[in-house]
C-alpha atoms as a PDB file:
ATOM      1  CA  MET A   1     -12.475  42.084  10.365  1.00  0.00           C
ATOM      2  CA  LYS A   2     -15.967  42.520   8.930  1.00  0.00           C
ATOM      3  CA  PRO A   3     -18.698  40.224   7.630  1.00  0.00           C
ATOM      4  CA  LEU A   4     -19.068  39.641   3.908  1.00  0.00           C
ATOM      5  CA  GLU A   5     -21.693  41.654   2.090  1.00  0.00           C
ATOM      6  CA  ALA A   6     -25.017  40.079   1.176  1.00  0.00           C
ATOM      7  CA  GLY A   7     -24.715  38.401  -2.173  1.00  0.00           C
ATOM      8  CA  GLU A   8     -20.963  38.023  -2.106  1.00  0.00           C
ATOM      9  CA  ALA A   9     -19.453  34.683  -3.080  1.00  0.00           C
ATOM     10  CA  ARG A  10     -19.024  32.424  -0.054  1.00  0.00           C
ATOM     11  CA  THR A  11     -16.438  30.098  -1.601  1.00  0.00           C
ATOM     12  CA  ALA A  12     -13.224  30.297  -3.557  1.00  0.00           C
ATOM     13  CA  GLY A  13     -12.096  26.990  -4.858  1.00  0.00           C
ATOM     14  CA  LYS A  14     -12.496  24.499  -2.017  1.00  0.00           C
ATOM     15  CA  TYR A  15     -12.370  27.163   0.692  1.00  0.00           C
ATOM     16  CA  ARG A  16     -15.397  28.512   2.603  1.00  0.00           C
ATOM     17  CA  LEU A  17     -15.087  32.300   2.957  1.00  0.00           C
ATOM     18  CA  VAL A  18     -15.995  33.733   6.370  1.00  0.00           C
ATOM     19  CA  ALA A  19     -14.999  37.371   6.709  1.00  0.00           C
ATOM     20  CA  GLU A  20     -12.894  40.173   5.245  1.00  0.00           C
ATOM     21  CA  LEU A  21      -9.579  40.699   7.026  1.00  0.00           C
ATOM     22  CA  GLY A  22      -8.367  43.713   5.099  1.00  0.00           C
ATOM     23  CA  GLU A  23      -7.740  45.361   1.761  1.00  0.00           C
ATOM     24  CA  GLY A  24      -4.652  46.717   0.005  1.00  0.00           C
ATOM     25  CA  GLY A  25      -3.342  47.916  -3.319  1.00  0.00           C
ATOM     26  CA  MET A  26      -3.342  44.500  -4.972  1.00  0.00           C
ATOM     27  CA  GLY A  27      -6.534  43.038  -3.542  1.00  0.00           C
ATOM     28  CA  ARG A  28      -8.382  42.119  -0.435  1.00  0.00           C
ATOM     29  CA  VAL A  29      -7.732  39.396   2.125  1.00  0.00           C
ATOM     30  CA  LEU A  30     -10.445  37.051   3.384  1.00  0.00           C
ATOM     31  CA  LEU A  31     -10.574  34.541   6.197  1.00  0.00           C
ATOM     32  CA  GLY A  32     -11.224  31.116   4.719  1.00  0.00           C
ATOM     33  CA  VAL A  33     -11.661  27.623   5.993  1.00  0.00           C
ATOM     34  CA  ALA A  34     -10.301  24.548   4.200  1.00  0.00           C
ATOM     35  CA  PRO A  35     -12.316  21.309   4.074  1.00  0.00           C
ATOM     36  CA  ASP A  36     -10.090  19.845   6.796  1.00  0.00           C
ATOM     37  CA  GLY A  37     -10.780  22.826   9.065  1.00  0.00           C
ATOM     38  CA  ARG A  38      -7.492  24.657   8.593  1.00  0.00           C
ATOM     39  CA  LEU A  39      -7.734  28.452   8.399  1.00  0.00           C
ATOM     40  CA  VAL A  40      -6.322  30.337   5.426  1.00  0.00           C
ATOM     41  CA  ALA A  41      -5.749  33.942   4.497  1.00  0.00           C
ATOM     42  CA  LEU A  42      -7.142  34.070   0.981  1.00  0.00           C
ATOM     43  CA  LYS A  43      -6.125  37.049  -1.130  1.00  0.00           C
ATOM     44  CA  GLN A  44      -8.406  38.008  -4.043  1.00  0.00           C
ATOM     45  CA  VAL A  45      -6.848  40.377  -6.569  1.00  0.00           C
ATOM     46  CA  HIS A  46      -8.607  43.536  -7.679  1.00  0.00           C
ATOM     47  CA  ALA A  47     -10.648  43.572 -10.889  1.00  0.00           C
ATOM     48  CA  GLU A  48      -8.206  45.794 -12.782  1.00  0.00           C
ATOM     49  CA  PHE A  49      -5.519  43.140 -12.418  1.00  0.00           C
ATOM     50  CA  ALA A  50      -7.936  40.268 -13.180  1.00  0.00           C
ATOM     51  CA  ARG A  51      -8.719  41.847 -16.550  1.00  0.00           C
ATOM     52  CA  ASP A  52      -5.037  42.030 -17.526  1.00  0.00           C
ATOM     53  CA  PRO A  53      -3.808  38.829 -19.245  1.00  0.00           C
ATOM     54  CA  HIS A  54      -0.190  39.858 -18.703  1.00  0.00           C
ATOM     55  CA  PHE A  55      -0.870  40.119 -14.962  1.00  0.00           C
ATOM     56  CA  ARG A  56      -2.348  36.631 -14.886  1.00  0.00           C
ATOM     57  CA  GLY A  57       0.724  35.194 -16.564  1.00  0.00           C
ATOM     58  CA  ARG A  58       3.065  36.886 -14.090  1.00  0.00           C
ATOM     59  CA  PHE A  59       0.795  35.972 -11.198  1.00  0.00           C
ATOM     60  CA  ARG A  60       0.840  32.341 -12.240  1.00  0.00           C
ATOM     61  CA  GLN A  61       4.657  32.272 -12.401  1.00  0.00           C
ATOM     62  CA  GLU A  62       5.038  33.964  -9.032  1.00  0.00           C
ATOM     63  CA  VAL A  63       2.551  31.659  -7.379  1.00  0.00           C
ATOM     64  CA  VAL A  64       4.491  28.616  -8.533  1.00  0.00           C
ATOM     65  CA  ALA A  65       7.701  30.048  -7.108  1.00  0.00           C
ATOM     66  CA  SER A  66       6.016  31.124  -3.886  1.00  0.00           C
ATOM     67  CA  GLN A  67       4.697  27.638  -3.262  1.00  0.00           C
ATOM     68  CA  ARG A  68       8.308  26.475  -2.986  1.00  0.00           C
ATOM     69  CA  VAL A  69       8.956  28.755  -0.032  1.00  0.00           C
ATOM     70  CA  SER A  70       8.901  27.165   3.370  1.00  0.00           C
ATOM     71  CA  GLY A  71      10.473  27.986   6.721  1.00  0.00           C
ATOM     72  CA  ALA A  72       9.499  28.959  10.224  1.00  0.00           C
ATOM     73  CA  PHE A  73       9.186  32.669   9.513  1.00  0.00           C
ATOM     74  CA  THR A  74       6.991  32.712   6.421  1.00  0.00           C
ATOM     75  CA  ALA A  75       3.284  31.993   5.942  1.00  0.00           C
ATOM     76  CA  ALA A  76       3.321  29.147   3.427  1.00  0.00           C
ATOM     77  CA  VAL A  77       1.277  29.430   0.223  1.00  0.00           C
ATOM     78  CA  MET A  78      -1.150  26.506   0.258  1.00  0.00           C
ATOM     79  CA  ASP A  79      -3.189  26.918  -2.887  1.00  0.00           C
ATOM     80  CA  ALA A  80      -4.051  29.330  -5.701  1.00  0.00           C
ATOM     81  CA  ASP A  81      -6.114  29.723  -8.847  1.00  0.00           C
ATOM     82  CA  PRO A  82      -4.673  32.362 -11.230  1.00  0.00           C
ATOM     83  CA  ASP A  83      -7.217  31.371 -13.838  1.00  0.00           C
ATOM     84  CA  ALA A  84     -10.333  32.003 -11.786  1.00  0.00           C
ATOM     85  CA  GLU A  85     -12.605  34.896 -12.740  1.00  0.00           C
ATOM     86  CA  THR A  86     -11.199  36.584  -9.615  1.00  0.00           C
ATOM     87  CA  PRO A  87      -7.662  35.197  -9.231  1.00  0.00           C
ATOM     88  CA  TRP A  88      -6.783  34.206  -5.658  1.00  0.00           C
ATOM     89  CA  LEU A  89      -4.021  32.819  -3.483  1.00  0.00           C
ATOM     90  CA  ALA A  90      -4.398  31.092  -0.104  1.00  0.00           C
ATOM     91  CA  SER A  91      -1.731  31.182   2.546  1.00  0.00           C
ATOM     92  CA  VAL A  92      -1.637  29.562   5.987  1.00  0.00           C
ATOM     93  CA  PHE A  93      -3.452  31.829   8.377  1.00  0.00           C
ATOM     94  CA  VAL A  94      -1.435  32.953  11.373  1.00  0.00           C
ATOM     95  CA  THR A  95      -2.901  34.826  14.358  1.00  0.00           C
ATOM     96  CA  GLY A  96      -1.158  38.084  15.131  1.00  0.00           C
ATOM     97  CA  PRO A  97      -1.140  41.818  14.270  1.00  0.00           C
ATOM     98  CA  SER A  98       1.047  43.227  11.579  1.00  0.00           C
ATOM     99  CA  LEU A  99       4.142  45.072  12.679  1.00  0.00           C
ATOM    100  CA  LYS A 100       2.388  48.270  11.556  1.00  0.00           C
ATOM    101  CA  GLU A 101      -0.683  47.544  13.676  1.00  0.00           C
ATOM    102  CA  ALA A 102       1.422  46.544  16.694  1.00  0.00           C
ATOM    103  CA  VAL A 103       3.634  49.661  16.699  1.00  0.00           C
ATOM    104  CA  GLU A 104       0.668  51.978  16.081  1.00  0.00           C
ATOM    105  CA  ALA A 105      -1.239  50.374  18.966  1.00  0.00           C
ATOM    106  CA  THR A 106       1.532  49.794  21.531  1.00  0.00           C
ATOM    107  CA  GLY A 107       4.472  51.939  20.493  1.00  0.00           C
ATOM    108  CA  PRO A 108       8.046  50.946  19.527  1.00  0.00           C
ATOM    109  CA  LEU A 109       9.262  47.452  20.456  1.00  0.00           C
ATOM    110  CA  PRO A 110      11.934  46.853  23.113  1.00  0.00           C
ATOM    111  CA  ALA A 111      15.468  46.371  21.744  1.00  0.00           C
ATOM    112  CA  GLU A 112      15.475  42.637  22.474  1.00  0.00           C
ATOM    113  CA  ALA A 113      12.181  42.208  20.614  1.00  0.00           C
ATOM    114  CA  VAL A 114      13.658  44.080  17.635  1.00  0.00           C
ATOM    115  CA  ARG A 115      16.642  41.730  17.672  1.00  0.00           C
ATOM    116  CA  ARG A 116      14.320  38.722  17.569  1.00  0.00           C
ATOM    117  CA  LEU A 117      12.403  40.434  14.746  1.00  0.00           C
ATOM    118  CA  ALA A 118      15.666  40.880  12.808  1.00  0.00           C
ATOM    119  CA  VAL A 119      16.470  37.173  13.206  1.00  0.00           C
ATOM    120  CA  GLY A 120      13.034  36.234  11.901  1.00  0.00           C
ATOM    121  CA  LEU A 121      13.178  38.619   8.938  1.00  0.00           C
ATOM    122  CA  ALA A 122      16.662  37.552   7.930  1.00  0.00           C
ATOM    123  CA  SER A 123      15.694  33.893   8.202  1.00  0.00           C
ATOM    124  CA  ALA A 124      12.615  34.489   6.084  1.00  0.00           C
ATOM    125  CA  LEU A 125      14.655  36.288   3.407  1.00  0.00           C
ATOM    126  CA  ILE A 126      17.159  33.432   3.226  1.00  0.00           C
ATOM    127  CA  GLU A 127      14.270  31.088   2.386  1.00  0.00           C
ATOM    128  CA  ILE A 128      12.573  33.519  -0.058  1.00  0.00           C
ATOM    129  CA  HIS A 129      15.837  34.223  -1.883  1.00  0.00           C
ATOM    130  CA  ARG A 130      16.690  30.537  -1.963  1.00  0.00           C
ATOM    131  CA  VAL A 131      13.923  29.866  -4.491  1.00  0.00           C
ATOM    132  CA  GLY A 132      14.910  32.824  -6.639  1.00  0.00           C
ATOM    133  CA  LEU A 133      12.287  35.310  -5.409  1.00  0.00           C
ATOM    134  CA  ILE A 134      12.754  38.905  -4.310  1.00  0.00           C
ATOM    135  CA  HIS A 135      10.013  40.133  -1.982  1.00  0.00           C
ATOM    136  CA  ARG A 136       9.858  43.659  -3.423  1.00  0.00           C
ATOM    137  CA  ASP A 137       7.334  44.899  -0.864  1.00  0.00           C
ATOM    138  CA  LEU A 138       8.766  44.149   2.573  1.00  0.00           C
ATOM    139  CA  LYS A 139       6.887  46.640   4.708  1.00  0.00           C
ATOM    140  CA  PRO A 140       5.364  46.783   8.177  1.00  0.00           C
ATOM    141  CA  GLY A 141       1.984  45.596   6.860  1.00  0.00           C
ATOM    142  CA  ASN A 142       3.617  42.466   5.371  1.00  0.00           C
ATOM    143  CA  VAL A 143       5.177  41.253   8.653  1.00  0.00           C
ATOM    144  CA  LEU A 144       2.919  39.568  11.162  1.00  0.00           C
ATOM    145  CA  LEU A 145       3.901  39.234  14.834  1.00  0.00           C
ATOM    146  CA  THR A 146       2.841  35.918  16.328  1.00  0.00           C
ATOM    147  CA  GLY A 147       3.369  34.203  19.617  1.00  0.00           C
ATOM    148  CA  ASP A 148       6.441  32.358  18.322  1.00  0.00           C
ATOM    149  CA  GLY A 149       8.051  34.959  16.058  1.00  0.00           C
ATOM    150  CA  PRO A 150       7.395  37.045  12.972  1.00  0.00           C
ATOM    151  CA  ARG A 151       5.941  35.793   9.690  1.00  0.00           C
ATOM    152  CA  VAL A 152       6.693  37.414   6.377  1.00  0.00           C
ATOM    153  CA  ILE A 153       3.753  37.352   3.969  1.00  0.00           C
ATOM    154  CA  ASP A 154       3.091  38.278   0.320  1.00  0.00           C
ATOM    155  CA  PHE A 155       6.562  37.219  -0.829  1.00  0.00           C
ATOM    156  CA  GLY A 156       7.111  37.296  -4.567  1.00  0.00           C
ATOM    157  CA  ILE A 157       3.618  38.505  -5.411  1.00  0.00           C
ATOM    158  CA  ALA A 158       4.393  42.188  -5.897  1.00  0.00           C
ATOM    159  CA  ARG A 159       6.318  41.309  -9.054  1.00  0.00           C
ATOM    160  CA  ALA A 160       3.127  40.095 -10.730  1.00  0.00           C
ATOM    161  CA  THR A 161       1.854  43.699 -10.817  1.00  0.00           C
ATOM    162  CA  GLU A 162       4.916  45.146 -12.558  1.00  0.00           C
ATOM    163  CA  GLY A 163       3.995  46.757 -15.833  1.00  0.00           C
ATOM    164  CA  GLY A 164       0.353  46.898 -14.848  1.00  0.00           C
ATOM    165  CA  ALA A 165      -1.754  49.309 -12.868  1.00  0.00           C
ATOM    166  CA  ASP A 166      -0.019  52.028 -10.843  1.00  0.00           C
ATOM    167  CA  LEU A 167      -0.183  51.085  -7.160  1.00  0.00           C
ATOM    168  CA  THR A 168       1.658  54.055  -5.707  1.00  0.00           C
ATOM    169  CA  GLY A 169       0.848  57.052  -7.865  1.00  0.00           C
ATOM    170  CA  THR A 170       4.565  57.347  -8.715  1.00  0.00           C
ATOM    171  CA  GLY A 171       4.699  56.316 -12.333  1.00  0.00           C
ATOM    172  CA  GLY A 172       4.262  52.601 -11.983  1.00  0.00           C
ATOM    173  CA  ILE A 173       6.686  51.886  -9.158  1.00  0.00           C
ATOM    174  CA  VAL A 174       5.342  48.878  -7.273  1.00  0.00           C
ATOM    175  CA  GLY A 175       5.949  48.797  -3.558  1.00  0.00           C
ATOM    176  CA  SER A 176       5.824  50.994  -0.482  1.00  0.00           C
ATOM    177  CA  PRO A 177       7.951  54.144  -0.994  1.00  0.00           C
ATOM    178  CA  ALA A 178       8.886  54.585   2.665  1.00  0.00           C
ATOM    179  CA  PHE A 179      10.525  51.124   2.794  1.00  0.00           C
ATOM    180  CA  MET A 180      11.740  50.468  -0.734  1.00  0.00           C
ATOM    181  CA  SER A 181      15.374  50.529  -1.732  1.00  0.00           C
ATOM    182  CA  PRO A 182      17.021  53.328  -3.726  1.00  0.00           C
ATOM    183  CA  GLU A 183      17.359  51.065  -6.754  1.00  0.00           C
ATOM    184  CA  GLN A 184      13.641  50.205  -6.572  1.00  0.00           C
ATOM    185  CA  ALA A 185      12.726  53.897  -6.193  1.00  0.00           C
ATOM    186  CA  GLU A 186      14.651  54.597  -9.412  1.00  0.00           C
ATOM    187  CA  SER A 187      13.159  51.564 -11.219  1.00  0.00           C
ATOM    188  CA  ARG A 188      16.580  49.962 -11.599  1.00  0.00           C
ATOM    189  CA  PRO A 189      17.106  46.156 -11.679  1.00  0.00           C
ATOM    190  CA  LEU A 190      16.677  44.568  -8.293  1.00  0.00           C
ATOM    191  CA  THR A 191      18.754  41.962  -6.467  1.00  0.00           C
ATOM    192  CA  PRO A 192      18.107  40.295  -3.114  1.00  0.00           C
ATOM    193  CA  ALA A 193      20.014  43.207  -1.519  1.00  0.00           C
ATOM    194  CA  SER A 194      16.930  45.373  -2.151  1.00  0.00           C
ATOM    195  CA  ASP A 195      15.007  43.329   0.452  1.00  0.00           C
ATOM    196  CA  VAL A 196      17.891  43.842   2.924  1.00  0.00           C
ATOM    197  CA  PHE A 197      17.457  47.629   2.590  1.00  0.00           C
ATOM    198  CA  SER A 198      13.764  47.200   3.355  1.00  0.00           C
ATOM    199  CA  LEU A 199      14.649  44.996   6.336  1.00  0.00           C
ATOM    200  CA  GLY A 200      16.790  47.823   7.706  1.00  0.00           C
ATOM    201  CA  GLY A 201      13.909  50.231   7.380  1.00  0.00           C
ATOM    202  CA  LEU A 202      11.590  47.844   9.213  1.00  0.00           C
ATOM    203  CA  LEU A 203      14.004  47.609  12.148  1.00  0.00           C
ATOM    204  CA  VAL A 204      14.145  51.383  12.396  1.00  0.00           C
ATOM    205  CA  MET A 205      10.338  51.528  12.401  1.00  0.00           C
ATOM    206  CA  ALA A 206      10.069  48.769  14.987  1.00  0.00           C
ATOM    207  CA  ALA A 207      12.604  50.463  17.275  1.00  0.00           C
ATOM    208  CA  THR A 208      11.395  54.077  16.920  1.00  0.00           C
ATOM    209  CA  GLY A 209       7.835  54.022  15.587  1.00  0.00           C
ATOM    210  CA  ARG A 210       8.763  55.693  12.263  1.00  0.00           C
ATOM    211  CA  GLY A 211      10.651  54.823   9.166  1.00  0.00           C
ATOM    212  CA  PRO A 212      14.177  56.065   8.340  1.00  0.00           C
ATOM    213  CA  PHE A 213      12.918  58.349   5.566  1.00  0.00           C
ATOM    214  CA  THR A 214      10.101  60.825   5.443  1.00  0.00           C
ATOM    215  CA  GLY A 215       8.852  63.304   2.860  1.00  0.00           C
ATOM    216  CA  SER A 216       5.753  64.675   1.230  1.00  0.00           C
ATOM    217  CA  PRO A 217       4.629  64.400  -1.503  1.00  0.00           C
ATOM    218  CA  THR A 218       5.699  60.875  -2.469  1.00  0.00           C
ATOM    219  CA  ALA A 219       8.214  62.198  -5.006  1.00  0.00           C
ATOM    220  CA  GLN A 220      10.089  63.933  -2.137  1.00  0.00           C
ATOM    221  CA  LEU A 221       9.989  60.760  -0.099  1.00  0.00           C
ATOM    222  CA  LEU A 222      11.491  58.783  -2.992  1.00  0.00           C
ATOM    223  CA  TYR A 223      14.166  61.423  -3.479  1.00  0.00           C
ATOM    224  CA  ASN A 224      15.110  61.156   0.207  1.00  0.00           C
ATOM    225  CA  VAL A 225      15.268  57.335  -0.079  1.00  0.00           C
ATOM    226  CA  VAL A 226      17.773  57.702  -2.953  1.00  0.00           C
ATOM    227  CA  HIS A 227      19.824  60.582  -1.679  1.00  0.00           C
ATOM    228  CA  ALA A 228      19.265  61.446   2.006  1.00  0.00           C
ATOM    229  CA  VAL A 229      20.975  60.046   5.079  1.00  0.00           C
ATOM    230  CA  PRO A 230      18.536  57.868   7.027  1.00  0.00           C
ATOM    231  CA  ASP A 231      17.265  59.275  10.309  1.00  0.00           C
ATOM    232  CA  LEU A 232      18.358  56.768  12.975  1.00  0.00           C
ATOM    233  CA  THR A 233      17.509  58.938  15.965  1.00  0.00           C
ATOM    234  CA  GLY A 234      16.341  56.742  18.794  1.00  0.00           C
ATOM    235  CA  VAL A 235      17.712  53.505  17.367  1.00  0.00           C
ATOM    236  CA  PRO A 236      19.615  51.714  20.200  1.00  0.00           C
ATOM    237  CA  PRO A 237      23.408  51.590  19.575  1.00  0.00           C
ATOM    238  CA  GLU A 238      23.531  47.803  19.393  1.00  0.00           C
ATOM    239  CA  LEU A 239      20.886  47.862  16.649  1.00  0.00           C
ATOM    240  CA  ARG A 240      22.312  50.865  14.849  1.00  0.00           C
ATOM    241  CA  ALA A 241      25.489  48.899  14.058  1.00  0.00           C
ATOM    242  CA  LEU A 242      23.250  46.504  12.092  1.00  0.00           C
ATOM    243  CA  VAL A 243      20.804  48.965  10.574  1.00  0.00           C
ATOM    244  CA  GLU A 244      23.381  51.353   9.089  1.00  0.00           C
ATOM    245  CA  PRO A 245      24.965  48.863   6.673  1.00  0.00           C
ATOM    246  CA  CYS A 246      21.519  47.439   5.722  1.00  0.00           C
ATOM    247  CA  LEU A 247      20.542  50.997   4.620  1.00  0.00           C
ATOM    248  CA  ALA A 248      23.666  51.567   2.459  1.00  0.00           C
ATOM    249  CA  LYS A 249      22.765  53.201  -0.821  1.00  0.00           C
ATOM    250  CA  ASP A 250      25.054  50.849  -2.691  1.00  0.00           C
ATOM    251  CA  PRO A 251      23.530  47.333  -2.747  1.00  0.00           C
ATOM    252  CA  ALA A 252      27.014  45.764  -2.769  1.00  0.00           C
ATOM    253  CA  ARG A 253      27.735  47.257   0.656  1.00  0.00           C
ATOM    254  CA  ARG A 254      24.738  45.733   2.377  1.00  0.00           C
ATOM    255  CA  PRO A 255      25.108  42.511   4.351  1.00  0.00           C
ATOM    256  CA  SER A 256      23.458  39.336   3.194  1.00  0.00           C
ATOM    257  CA  PRO A 257      20.655  37.847   5.336  1.00  0.00           C
ATOM    258  CA  GLN A 258      23.082  35.140   6.502  1.00  0.00           C
ATOM    259  CA  GLN A 259      25.597  37.825   7.524  1.00  0.00           C
ATOM    260  CA  ILE A 260      22.820  39.521   9.506  1.00  0.00           C
ATOM    261  CA  LEU A 261      22.216  36.260  11.399  1.00  0.00           C
ATOM    262  CA  ASP A 262      25.965  35.839  12.010  1.00  0.00           C
ATOM    263  CA  PHE A 263      26.125  39.433  13.344  1.00  0.00           C
ATOM    264  CA  LEU A 264      23.199  38.888  15.730  1.00  0.00           C
ATOM    265  CA  GLY A 265      24.473  35.527  17.021  1.00  0.00           C
ATOM    266  CA  ALA A 266      22.344  33.545  19.421  1.00  0.00           C
ATOM    267  CA  VAL A 267      19.268  35.514  20.421  1.00  0.00           C
ATOM    268  CA  PRO A 268      17.657  34.319  23.656  1.00  0.00           C
ATOM    269  CA  PRO A 269      14.097  33.018  23.151  1.00  0.00           C
ATOM    270  CA  GLY A 270      11.352  35.282  24.340  1.00  0.00           C
ATOM    271  CA  SER A 271       7.595  35.528  24.186  1.00  0.00           C
ATOM    272  CA  GLY A 272       7.479  39.147  23.004  1.00  0.00           C
ATOM    273  CA  PRO A 273       6.091  42.259  24.675  1.00  0.00           C
ATOM    274  CA  PRO A 274       2.934  41.700  26.736  1.00  0.00           C
ATOM    275  CA  ALA A 275       1.117  44.470  24.834  1.00  0.00           C
ATOM    276  CA  VAL A 276       1.676  42.602  21.544  1.00  0.00           C
ATOM    277  CA  HIS A 277       0.433  39.370  23.135  1.00  0.00           C
ATOM    278  CA  ALA A 278      -2.732  41.177  24.148  1.00  0.00           C
ATOM    279  CA  LEU A 279      -3.294  42.084  20.491  1.00  0.00           C
ATOM    280  CA  ILE A 280      -2.716  38.447  19.497  1.00  0.00           C
ATOM    281  CA  ASP A 281      -5.239  37.250  22.070  1.00  0.00           C
ATOM    282  CA  ALA A 282      -7.796  39.861  20.924  1.00  0.00           C
ATOM    283  CA  GLN A 283      -7.437  38.728  17.284  1.00  0.00           C
ATOM    284  CA  ASP A 284      -7.797  35.086  18.272  1.00  0.00           C
ATOM    285  CA  THR A 285     -11.013  35.936  20.076  1.00  0.00           C
ATOM    286  CA  ALA A 286     -12.266  37.846  17.032  1.00  0.00           C
ATOM    287  CA  ILE A 287     -11.478  34.931  14.739  1.00  0.00           C
ATOM    288  CA  ARG A 288     -13.326  32.474  16.965  1.00  0.00           C
ATOM    289  CA  ALA A 289     -16.336  34.775  16.989  1.00  0.00           C
ATOM    290  CA  ALA A 290     -16.286  35.125  13.178  1.00  0.00           C
ATOM    291  CA  LEU A 291     -16.200  31.365  12.740  1.00  0.00           C
ATOM    292  CA  ALA A 292     -19.377  31.177  14.790  1.00  0.00           C
ATOM    293  CA  TRP A 293     -21.262  33.731  12.670  1.00  0.00           C
ATOM    294  CA  PRO A 294     -24.319  32.122  11.024  1.00  0.00           C
ATOM    295  CA  VAL A 295     -23.943  31.388   7.332  1.00  0.00           C
ATOM    296  CA  PRO A 296     -26.396  33.647   5.451  1.00  0.00           C
ATOM    297  CA  GLU A 297     -29.029  32.072   3.255  1.00  0.00           C
ATOM    298  CA  PRO A 298     -28.132  32.175  -0.451  1.00  0.00           C
ATOM    299  CA  LEU A 299     -29.915  34.830  -2.510  1.00  0.00           C
ATOM    300  CA  PRO A 300     -32.955  33.524  -4.441  1.00  0.00           C
ATOM    301  CA  ALA A 301     -32.394  32.687  -8.086  1.00  0.00           C
ATOM    302  CA  PRO A 302     -33.585  35.407 -10.495  1.00  0.00           C
ATOM    303  CA  PRO A 303     -36.937  34.752 -12.153  1.00  0.00           C
ATOM    304  CA  GLN A 304     -36.763  32.979 -15.478  1.00  0.00           C
END
């Protein structure tokens, strides 16, 4: 988290902007405050997308669909303005590190925590697919770990960039190569089963600290996603029985999110690993500090 630069806009729509939370291929994410005091994660898209009228049309359609997604394991989209000079989308802010940040900081998750993660991810996909969306970019950075379970973010928005700027350096493929499905890697039509493949990859990463496929350069990684056997070394046996079918090359052989829940059965509630809770507490402290930062004086108007 870092303060906004001098001269940067301090509002987007009705939201007061406080700090920058991060930046990615599609845009950057800011901490915002609604008039009623609720916190939002407000994503502003990069200028190259904002200049593309086709992107704006797709972005508008995806935002409308995303606003229909609800459920305990997603971060609901609250508001958006695809027609602003810098298009933006505001989601409910949830405190917690991404799965990527948590594993990098604390190491692989215990098996029981991975099972709870699987329940949350499958439940989120059921809700996302219910409204006709496919996530398309389910990766460790798009899963937040909170005190009461994971939250899937950025659902449905990756599609808005299709046909636009190249986000991956791989000929226009949109997504994260290490966690995309074989059909996505080959730019074939996608079904909800593509997200299930990504879910399987996330579980491997959560359990072992690395994804099921590696390779450099990116073209080799994509080849391995399409053709190689996933590396499941270190995945606990009880999780391997779930992960293997999720990573089937044939989409028709993968389980549905509901079948994943049926396979897992009742998962005992838990508060998550203490090390992850320490990260949640640290982020909460940082957010409170940012909200107390003084609001800078506006820049003087240019001379007439």
